[in-house]
């Protein structure tokens, strides 16, 4: 964005002209769309609301803006003319933030927002970083003092207020999906992160830990007492629990395993013997397993379990006794869609897919990914050298291992097409 100033005040943008690269006026700026984030994280600027003829307001993604200052905005000229509709999670700076009352964190004093400053970071993202506020006046017709403060210096504008109590914070996030709640925890200060994690119930915290980066997981587990940490491990999917244990110091991991139920601890110790980036290191030891004389009705009842992930519920693994991993001889899989097409009394042994070759426990990630891609799979049986079923690798586990370790920290700038989709275009 050549020639872009360091900082632009949004109120100064109101009504200024928007031009295409040829110098023709496209419309006028009517507002700036931002997305509020958690804690002290500055809001990200998504784009501009531009009024074009005849009095239609459209959305201009920031990725379409090539230059912005207090006198004009220049765009690439490729704007979608669909009428702007504000989406959930979006905030209009002029329409919703100006005149809003907030509190100065240091003094607790109430002030009103007069203007908001946006600037471009080295990543080329535009963010809100300063706020122009006015104190309450005193006396007849006296206006209060004005201040320019950092976004982080006030409370009342973030999705998660830095001054919010834990119980109030818990009520705010209780309906979030685990991945979204993990993002909230990741963006909090370490003290707040530990407080919120401690307030979550065991199942919710287990689900969230599976989505968090390694450093956050270790920090939270270290803050829990041994008994509760062991309870959390028992609630986690075994492959995720093993990933977490492998990140801890060996003596800490062993101390936790000694507090876990013996059967579950045995499974976890077995999984810990496999390399992280092999089929054994990625698999879960608890897929849906049935004997060959089970019926379709029994198979459907098993995969109807709401605790199963969609990938694990996609197929049933048929084996000879014993029916706990390591099982007897692996016979094949019965796919969910095939089960739906058969009479309930049909035996699963009659509809087995025995053409799908299982994969060895030591197969590297590269081999596993090629297998998934070649056969369009969502889950894959893992066996030992004697064809005993040891577990199953699911596509979500493969993707987790293919992504870089810090993938959750990425906040990539969307491409032009994705930016248009932000406004439903």
Protein backbone atom coordinates (compact mmCIF):
# COMPACT_ATOMS: atom_id res chain seq x y z
CA UNK A 1 0.00 0.00 0.00
CA UNK A 2 2.33 2.68 -1.29
CA UNK A 3 2.45 5.97 0.46
CA UNK A 4 0.14 4.81 3.25
CA UNK A 5 0.41 6.94 6.41
CA UNK A 6 1.36 5.44 9.73
CA UNK A 7 -2.03 6.16 11.28
CA UNK A 8 -5.47 7.19 10.00
CA UNK A 9 -8.35 8.40 12.18
CA UNK A 10 -11.60 6.78 11.11
CA UNK A 11 -13.79 9.84 11.72
CA UNK A 12 -11.66 11.70 9.16
CA UNK A 13 -12.42 9.01 6.57
CA UNK A 14 -16.18 9.54 6.75
CA UNK A 15 -17.45 10.93 3.45
CA UNK A 16 -14.13 10.97 1.61
CA UNK A 17 -14.04 9.79 -1.99
CA UNK A 18 -13.11 6.27 -3.08
CA UNK A 19 -11.34 6.05 -6.46
CA UNK A 20 -10.46 3.25 -8.85
CA UNK A 21 -6.90 3.01 -10.31
CA UNK A 22 -7.87 5.23 -13.28
CA UNK A 23 -8.87 8.08 -11.00
CA UNK A 24 -12.64 7.66 -11.45
CA UNK A 25 -14.67 8.08 -8.28
CA UNK A 26 -16.38 4.87 -7.18
CA UNK A 27 -18.22 6.20 -4.13
CA UNK A 28 -17.70 7.57 -0.62
CA UNK A 29 -16.60 5.99 2.66
CA UNK A 30 -19.48 5.63 5.12
CA UNK A 31 -17.93 3.41 7.79
CA UNK A 32 -15.11 1.03 8.69
CA UNK A 33 -15.80 -2.64 9.54
CA UNK A 34 -13.67 -4.26 12.24
CA UNK A 35 -13.77 -7.54 14.10
CA UNK A 36 -13.28 -7.29 17.85
CA UNK A 37 -10.92 -9.86 19.33
CA UNK A 38 -10.20 -11.25 22.78
CA UNK A 39 -8.33 -9.64 25.64
CA UNK A 40 -5.71 -7.09 24.60
CA UNK A 41 -5.63 -8.12 20.95
CA UNK A 42 -6.29 -5.16 18.67
CA UNK A 43 -9.36 -5.35 16.44
CA UNK A 44 -8.61 -6.23 12.84
CA UNK A 45 -9.96 -3.99 10.07
CA UNK A 46 -11.94 -6.10 7.60
CA UNK A 47 -12.87 -3.39 5.11
CA UNK A 48 -14.82 -0.24 4.32
CA UNK A 49 -18.51 0.42 3.84
CA UNK A 50 -18.67 2.43 0.61
CA UNK A 51 -21.74 4.23 -0.68
CA UNK A 52 -22.13 4.04 -4.46
CA UNK A 53 -24.87 5.37 -6.70
CA UNK A 54 -27.82 5.16 -6.30
CA UNK A 55 -27.36 5.31 -2.48
CA UNK A 56 -26.30 1.67 -2.26
CA UNK A 57 -23.82 0.64 0.43
CA UNK A 58 -21.34 -2.08 -0.53
CA UNK A 59 -18.40 -3.75 1.17
CA UNK A 60 -14.80 -3.04 0.09
CA UNK A 61 -12.34 -5.54 1.63
CA UNK A 62 -9.05 -4.00 2.84
CA UNK A 63 -7.24 -6.32 0.42
CA UNK A 64 -8.84 -4.24 -2.38
CA UNK A 65 -7.47 -0.99 -0.97
CA UNK A 66 -4.13 0.13 -2.40
CA UNK A 67 -3.84 3.52 -0.71
CA UNK A 68 -5.65 5.20 2.16
CA UNK A 69 -5.29 8.61 3.79
CA UNK A 70 -7.54 11.37 5.10
CA UNK A 71 -8.10 12.78 1.61
CA UNK A 72 -8.90 9.78 -0.58
CA UNK A 73 -9.04 6.01 -0.77
CA UNK A 74 -7.73 4.23 -3.87
CA UNK A 75 -8.90 0.68 -4.65
CA UNK A 76 -8.09 -1.96 -7.23
CA UNK A 77 -11.42 -1.15 -8.86
CA UNK A 78 -12.69 -4.75 -8.51
CA UNK A 79 -15.58 -4.28 -6.08
CA UNK A 80 -18.59 -6.49 -5.65
CA UNK A 81 -21.75 -4.41 -5.90
CA UNK A 82 -23.87 -6.58 -3.62
CA UNK A 83 -25.50 -4.57 -0.85
CA UNK A 84 -23.52 -4.58 2.41
CA UNK A 85 -25.00 -6.66 5.21
CA UNK A 86 -23.29 -6.62 8.59
CA UNK A 87 -22.38 -10.09 9.79
CA UNK A 88 -22.17 -11.57 13.27
CA UNK A 89 -18.85 -10.65 14.85
CA UNK A 90 -18.46 -7.48 12.78
CA UNK A 91 -18.51 -4.00 14.35
CA UNK A 92 -18.99 -0.65 12.61
CA UNK A 93 -16.58 1.92 14.00
CA UNK A 94 -18.61 5.04 13.25
CA UNK A 95 -21.97 3.43 13.84
CA UNK A 96 -21.23 1.48 17.02
CA UNK A 97 -17.95 2.51 18.69
CA UNK A 98 -18.04 6.33 18.62
CA UNK A 99 -19.56 7.85 21.78
CA UNK A 100 -19.37 4.44 23.50
CA UNK A 101 -18.46 4.69 27.20
CA UNK A 102 -15.39 2.75 28.31
CA UNK A 103 -13.12 2.72 31.35
CA UNK A 104 -9.45 3.64 31.65
CA UNK A 105 -7.86 0.53 33.17
CA UNK A 106 -5.27 2.41 35.22
CA UNK A 107 -7.67 4.82 36.94
CA UNK A 108 -11.11 3.24 36.43
CA UNK A 109 -12.31 6.58 35.05
CA UNK A 110 -15.21 6.49 32.57
CA UNK A 111 -14.54 8.15 29.22
CA UNK A 112 -16.32 8.28 25.86
CA UNK A 113 -14.80 7.23 22.52
CA UNK A 114 -14.44 10.20 20.15
CA UNK A 115 -12.40 8.61 17.39
CA UNK A 116 -10.50 5.44 16.53
CA UNK A 117 -7.10 5.25 14.82
CA UNK A 118 -6.17 2.44 12.43
CA UNK A 119 -2.72 1.62 11.10
CA UNK A 120 -1.12 -0.95 8.85
CA UNK A 121 1.20 -3.60 10.30
CA UNK A 122 4.16 -5.23 8.60
CA UNK A 123 1.91 -8.16 7.74
CA UNK A 124 -0.13 -5.63 5.67
CA UNK A 125 -3.13 -6.12 7.96
CA UNK A 126 -4.86 -2.98 9.19
CA UNK A 127 -5.67 -2.93 12.91
CA UNK A 128 -7.14 -0.55 15.47
CA UNK A 129 -4.39 0.50 17.85
CA UNK A 130 -5.26 3.89 19.38
CA UNK A 131 -8.43 5.52 20.70
CA UNK A 132 -9.18 9.21 21.07
CA UNK A 133 -11.31 9.57 24.22
CA UNK A 134 -12.92 12.40 26.18
CA UNK A 135 -13.26 12.59 29.95
CA UNK A 136 -16.49 13.68 31.58
CA UNK A 137 -16.76 17.46 31.88
CA UNK A 138 -17.43 19.36 35.07
CA UNK A 139 -19.27 22.60 35.54
CA UNK A 140 -21.68 24.41 33.25
CA UNK A 141 -21.12 23.70 29.53
CA UNK A 142 -17.55 22.55 30.11
CA UNK A 143 -16.19 19.80 27.93
CA UNK A 144 -13.89 17.22 29.44
CA UNK A 145 -10.20 16.73 28.65
CA UNK A 146 -9.31 14.60 25.61
CA UNK A 147 -6.69 11.84 25.52
CA UNK A 148 -5.14 9.59 22.89
CA UNK A 149 -4.64 6.16 24.47
CA UNK A 150 -3.66 2.68 23.38
CA UNK A 151 -6.43 0.18 22.68
CA UNK A 152 -5.06 -1.92 25.55
CA UNK A 153 -5.45 0.97 28.02
CA UNK A 154 -9.26 0.71 28.18
CA UNK A 155 -11.81 -1.94 29.07
CA UNK A 156 -15.25 -2.38 27.58
CA UNK A 157 -14.41 -2.80 23.90
CA UNK A 158 -12.91 -6.28 23.62
CA UNK A 159 -14.92 -9.48 23.29
CA UNK A 160 -13.29 -10.58 26.53
CA UNK A 161 -12.88 -7.71 28.95
CA UNK A 162 -9.48 -7.74 30.74
CA UNK A 163 -11.25 -6.76 33.97
CA UNK A 164 -14.02 -9.35 33.68
CA UNK A 165 -14.42 -11.78 36.59
CA UNK A 166 -13.83 -15.48 35.98
CA UNK A 167 -17.46 -16.50 36.50
CA UNK A 168 -18.66 -13.75 34.17
CA UNK A 169 -15.98 -14.72 31.67
CA UNK A 170 -17.06 -18.36 31.94
CA UNK A 171 -20.64 -17.39 31.13
CA UNK A 172 -19.40 -15.46 28.10
CA UNK A 173 -17.52 -18.39 26.57
CA UNK A 174 -19.53 -21.42 27.73
CA UNK A 175 -21.30 -21.87 24.39
CA UNK A 176 -18.16 -21.62 22.26
CA UNK A 177 -16.93 -24.65 20.37
CA UNK A 178 -13.68 -26.13 21.78
CA UNK A 179 -11.53 -24.75 18.94
CA UNK A 180 -12.98 -21.24 19.43
CA UNK A 181 -12.61 -21.44 23.20
CA UNK A 182 -9.00 -22.54 22.68
CA UNK A 183 -8.42 -19.35 20.69
CA UNK A 184 -9.86 -17.32 23.56
CA UNK A 185 -7.60 -19.05 26.10
CA UNK A 186 -4.56 -18.65 23.86
CA UNK A 187 -5.08 -14.88 23.63
CA UNK A 188 -5.56 -14.32 27.38
CA UNK A 189 -2.74 -13.45 29.77
CA UNK A 190 -1.17 -16.51 31.46
CA UNK A 191 -2.89 -15.66 34.77
CA UNK A 192 -6.33 -15.33 33.16
CA UNK A 193 -5.76 -18.43 31.03
CA UNK A 194 -5.05 -20.57 34.10
CA UNK A 195 -8.03 -19.10 36.00
CA UNK A 196 -10.44 -19.80 33.14
CA UNK A 197 -9.03 -23.30 32.54
CA UNK A 198 -9.44 -24.15 36.22
CA UNK A 199 -13.10 -23.07 36.07
CA UNK A 200 -13.98 -25.33 33.10
CA UNK A 201 -15.43 -28.78 33.74
CA UNK A 202 -13.21 -31.80 32.98
CA UNK A 203 -14.75 -32.72 29.61
CA UNK A 204 -14.73 -29.14 28.30
CA UNK A 205 -11.14 -28.58 29.41
CA UNK A 206 -10.07 -31.89 27.84
CA UNK A 207 -11.68 -30.88 24.54
CA UNK A 208 -10.01 -27.46 24.66
CA UNK A 209 -6.56 -28.85 25.51
CA UNK A 210 -6.74 -30.94 22.33
CA UNK A 211 -6.96 -27.67 20.36
CA UNK A 212 -4.32 -25.61 22.16
CA UNK A 213 -0.66 -25.05 21.20
CA UNK A 214 1.94 -27.06 23.10
CA UNK A 215 3.14 -24.24 25.40
CA UNK A 216 -0.38 -23.41 26.55
CA UNK A 217 -1.20 -27.07 27.21
CA UNK A 218 1.92 -27.60 29.32
CA UNK A 219 1.28 -24.38 31.25
CA UNK A 220 -2.31 -25.37 32.06
CA UNK A 221 -1.47 -28.97 32.99
CA UNK A 222 1.32 -27.73 35.28
CA UNK A 223 -1.19 -25.50 37.07
CA UNK A 224 -3.61 -28.36 37.82
CA UNK A 225 -3.22 -30.70 40.74
CA UNK A 226 -2.08 -34.26 39.94
CA UNK A 227 -5.49 -35.84 40.47
CA UNK A 228 -7.32 -33.34 38.29
CA UNK A 229 -4.65 -33.48 35.58
CA UNK A 230 -5.07 -37.28 35.50
CA UNK A 231 -8.86 -36.86 35.24
CA UNK A 232 -8.36 -34.54 32.26
CA UNK A 233 -6.10 -37.09 30.55
CA UNK A 234 -8.79 -39.75 30.96
CA UNK A 235 -11.34 -37.46 29.26
CA UNK A 236 -9.08 -36.73 26.28
CA UNK A 237 -8.95 -38.83 23.13
CA UNK A 238 -6.06 -41.30 23.67
CA UNK A 239 -3.99 -40.01 20.73
CA UNK A 240 -4.30 -36.42 21.99
CA UNK A 241 -3.54 -37.49 25.55
CA UNK A 242 -0.38 -39.20 24.30
CA UNK A 243 0.65 -36.07 22.39
CA UNK A 244 0.28 -34.10 25.61
CA UNK A 245 2.18 -36.64 27.71
CA UNK A 246 5.04 -36.67 25.21
CA UNK A 247 5.37 -32.89 25.63
CA UNK A 248 5.79 -33.17 29.41
CA UNK A 249 9.03 -34.07 31.24
CA UNK A 250 9.24 -37.90 31.49
CA UNK A 251 8.97 -37.92 35.28
CA UNK A 252 5.86 -35.71 35.17
CA UNK A 253 4.26 -37.89 32.49
CA UNK A 254 4.95 -41.04 34.50
CA UNK A 255 3.55 -39.47 37.68
CA UNK A 256 0.33 -38.63 35.83
CA UNK A 257 0.09 -42.10 34.30
CA UNK A 258 0.31 -43.63 37.76
CA UNK A 259 -2.88 -41.71 38.67
CA UNK A 260 -4.80 -42.76 35.55
CA UNK A 261 -7.08 -45.82 35.60
CA UNK A 262 -4.89 -48.91 34.92
CA UNK A 263 -6.66 -49.96 31.69
CA UNK A 264 -6.40 -46.48 30.20
CA UNK A 265 -2.83 -46.05 31.41
CA UNK A 266 -1.89 -49.30 29.62
CA UNK A 267 -3.32 -47.96 26.34
CA UNK A 268 -1.46 -44.68 26.73
CA UNK A 269 1.84 -46.37 27.55
CA UNK A 270 1.50 -48.54 24.45
CA UNK A 271 0.84 -45.51 22.26
CA UNK A 272 3.82 -43.71 23.75
CA UNK A 273 6.12 -46.40 22.31
CA UNK A 274 5.34 -45.27 18.75
CA UNK A 275 6.96 -42.37 16.96
CA UNK A 276 4.72 -39.27 16.74
CA UNK A 277 4.78 -39.19 12.94
CA UNK A 278 3.82 -42.81 12.31
CA UNK A 279 0.45 -44.50 12.01
CA UNK A 280 0.90 -45.86 15.56
CA UNK A 281 1.67 -42.40 16.94
CA UNK A 282 -1.41 -40.87 15.30
CA UNK A 283 -3.99 -43.60 15.85
CA UNK A 284 -6.72 -43.93 18.44
CA UNK A 285 -6.91 -47.39 20.09
CA UNK A 286 -10.70 -47.12 20.48
CA UNK A 287 -12.42 -47.27 17.08
CA UNK A 288 -15.83 -48.97 16.74
CA UNK A 289 -15.08 -52.71 16.84
CA UNK A 290 -17.60 -55.54 16.33
CA UNK A 291 -17.53 -59.34 15.90
CA UNK A 292 -18.48 -60.74 12.48
CA UNK A 293 -21.86 -62.07 13.71
CA UNK A 294 -23.09 -58.57 14.62
CA UNK A 295 -26.03 -57.18 12.66
CA UNK A 296 -26.37 -53.93 10.75
CA UNK A 297 -28.79 -52.73 13.45
CA UNK A 298 -26.12 -53.28 16.13
CA UNK A 299 -23.50 -51.50 14.03
CA UNK A 300 -25.75 -48.48 13.48
CA UNK A 301 -26.53 -48.34 17.18
CA UNK A 302 -22.81 -48.21 17.98
CA UNK A 303 -21.96 -45.43 15.54
CA UNK A 304 -24.96 -43.40 16.71
CA UNK A 305 -22.95 -42.58 19.85
CA UNK A 306 -22.77 -38.79 20.07
CA UNK A 307 -19.29 -38.93 21.63
CA UNK A 308 -17.81 -40.38 18.44
CA UNK A 309 -16.16 -38.01 15.99
CA UNK A 310 -17.66 -38.09 12.46
CA UNK A 311 -14.50 -39.73 11.09
CA UNK A 312 -14.57 -42.55 13.67
CA UNK A 313 -18.30 -43.05 13.11
CA UNK A 314 -17.77 -43.44 9.36
CA UNK A 315 -16.89 -47.12 9.57
CA UNK A 316 -17.04 -50.18 11.81
CA UNK A 317 -14.02 -52.47 12.18
CA UNK A 318 -14.85 -56.19 12.17
CA UNK A 319 -12.45 -58.57 13.92
CA UNK A 320 -12.24 -61.94 15.61
CA UNK A 321 -12.03 -62.15 19.41
CA UNK A 322 -10.72 -60.52 21.50
CA UNK A 323 -12.59 -57.30 20.70
CA UNK A 324 -10.39 -54.83 22.56
CA UNK A 325 -7.19 -53.61 20.92
CA UNK A 326 -4.96 -55.42 20.20
CA UNK A 327 -7.80 -57.54 18.80
CA UNK A 328 -7.93 -60.90 17.11
CA UNK A 329 -7.50 -61.12 13.33
CA UNK A 330 -8.70 -58.07 11.43
CA UNK A 331 -11.38 -59.04 8.85
CA UNK A 332 -12.42 -55.76 7.22
CA UNK A 333 -14.53 -52.63 7.59
CA UNK A 334 -18.24 -51.95 7.17
CA UNK A 335 -18.79 -48.43 5.84
CA UNK A 336 -21.52 -46.23 7.29
CA UNK A 337 -23.18 -45.56 3.92
CA UNK A 338 -23.28 -49.28 3.12
CA UNK A 339 -24.85 -49.97 6.53
CA UNK A 340 -27.64 -47.52 5.72
CA UNK A 341 -28.52 -49.40 2.53
CA UNK A 342 -28.85 -52.84 4.12
CA UNK A 343 -31.71 -54.46 6.11
CA UNK A 344 -31.17 -54.18 9.89
CA UNK A 345 -30.89 -57.99 10.26
CA UNK A 346 -28.01 -58.33 7.77
CA UNK A 347 -24.74 -59.53 9.30
CA UNK A 348 -21.86 -57.06 9.03
CA UNK A 349 -19.64 -59.91 7.82
CA UNK A 350 -21.77 -60.03 4.64
CA UNK A 351 -21.04 -56.42 3.69
CA UNK A 352 -17.37 -56.11 4.59
CA UNK A 353 -14.98 -54.07 2.50
CA UNK A 354 -12.02 -56.42 2.58
CA UNK A 355 -10.29 -54.70 -0.35
CA UNK A 356 -9.17 -51.83 1.88
CA UNK A 357 -5.70 -52.86 2.99
CA UNK A 358 -4.88 -51.81 6.57
CA UNK A 359 -1.67 -49.95 7.22
CA UNK A 360 1.24 -51.00 9.43
CA UNK A 361 1.81 -49.39 12.79
CA UNK A 362 5.25 -48.05 11.75
CA UNK A 363 4.07 -46.51 8.46
CA UNK A 364 5.42 -42.92 8.26
CA UNK A 365 3.20 -39.86 7.88
CA UNK A 366 4.05 -39.54 4.17
CA UNK A 367 2.76 -43.06 3.47
CA UNK A 368 -0.37 -42.50 5.57
CA UNK A 369 -1.24 -39.25 3.75
CA UNK A 370 -0.76 -40.86 0.33
CA UNK A 371 -3.06 -43.71 1.38
CA UNK A 372 -5.77 -41.27 2.49
CA UNK A 373 -5.48 -39.25 -0.71
CA UNK A 374 -5.42 -42.29 -3.03
CA UNK A 375 -8.53 -43.94 -1.59
CA UNK A 376 -10.46 -40.84 -0.40
CA UNK A 377 -10.61 -42.11 3.17
CA UNK A 378 -11.70 -40.48 6.42
CA UNK A 379 -10.27 -43.25 8.65
CA UNK A 380 -7.81 -46.09 8.19
CA UNK A 381 -7.28 -49.34 10.17
CA UNK A 382 -3.85 -49.90 11.73
CA UNK A 383 -2.61 -53.47 12.30
CA UNK A 384 0.49 -55.24 13.57
CA UNK A 385 2.49 -57.85 11.64
CA UNK A 386 -0.02 -60.57 12.61
CA UNK A 387 -3.06 -58.60 11.35
CA UNK A 388 -4.32 -57.77 14.84
CA UNK A 389 -6.17 -54.45 14.83
CA UNK A 390 -4.35 -51.90 16.98
CA UNK A 391 -6.43 -48.82 16.25
CA UNK A 392 -7.45 -46.38 13.53
CA UNK A 393 -5.98 -43.19 12.12
CA UNK A 394 -8.51 -40.48 11.25
CA UNK A 395 -8.12 -37.74 8.68
CA UNK A 396 -8.26 -34.98 11.33
CA UNK A 397 -5.26 -36.53 13.10
CA UNK A 398 -3.36 -36.65 9.82
CA UNK A 399 -4.09 -32.98 9.12
CA UNK A 400 -2.95 -32.00 12.63
CA UNK A 401 0.38 -33.70 11.99
CA UNK A 402 0.79 -32.16 8.52
CA UNK A 403 0.35 -28.58 9.79
CA UNK A 404 3.27 -26.68 11.37
CA UNK A 405 3.35 -26.78 15.17
CA UNK A 406 2.39 -23.10 15.50
CA UNK A 407 -0.38 -23.15 12.89
CA UNK A 408 -2.90 -21.78 15.38
CA UNK A 409 -0.88 -18.55 15.62
CA UNK A 410 -1.16 -17.86 11.91
CA UNK A 411 -3.41 -14.97 10.95
CA UNK A 412 -2.81 -14.95 7.23
CA UNK A 413 -4.13 -12.13 5.10
CA UNK A 414 -6.93 -13.54 2.95
CA UNK A 415 -6.60 -13.51 -0.79
CA UNK A 416 -8.89 -11.26 -2.83
CA UNK A 417 -11.51 -13.93 -3.41
CA UNK A 418 -11.64 -14.85 0.26
CA UNK A 419 -11.89 -11.19 1.18
CA UNK A 420 -14.98 -10.85 -0.99
CA UNK A 421 -16.48 -13.88 0.73
CA UNK A 422 -16.11 -12.05 4.05
CA UNK A 423 -19.11 -10.06 3.01
CA UNK A 424 -20.95 -13.00 1.46
CA UNK A 425 -19.99 -12.15 -2.14
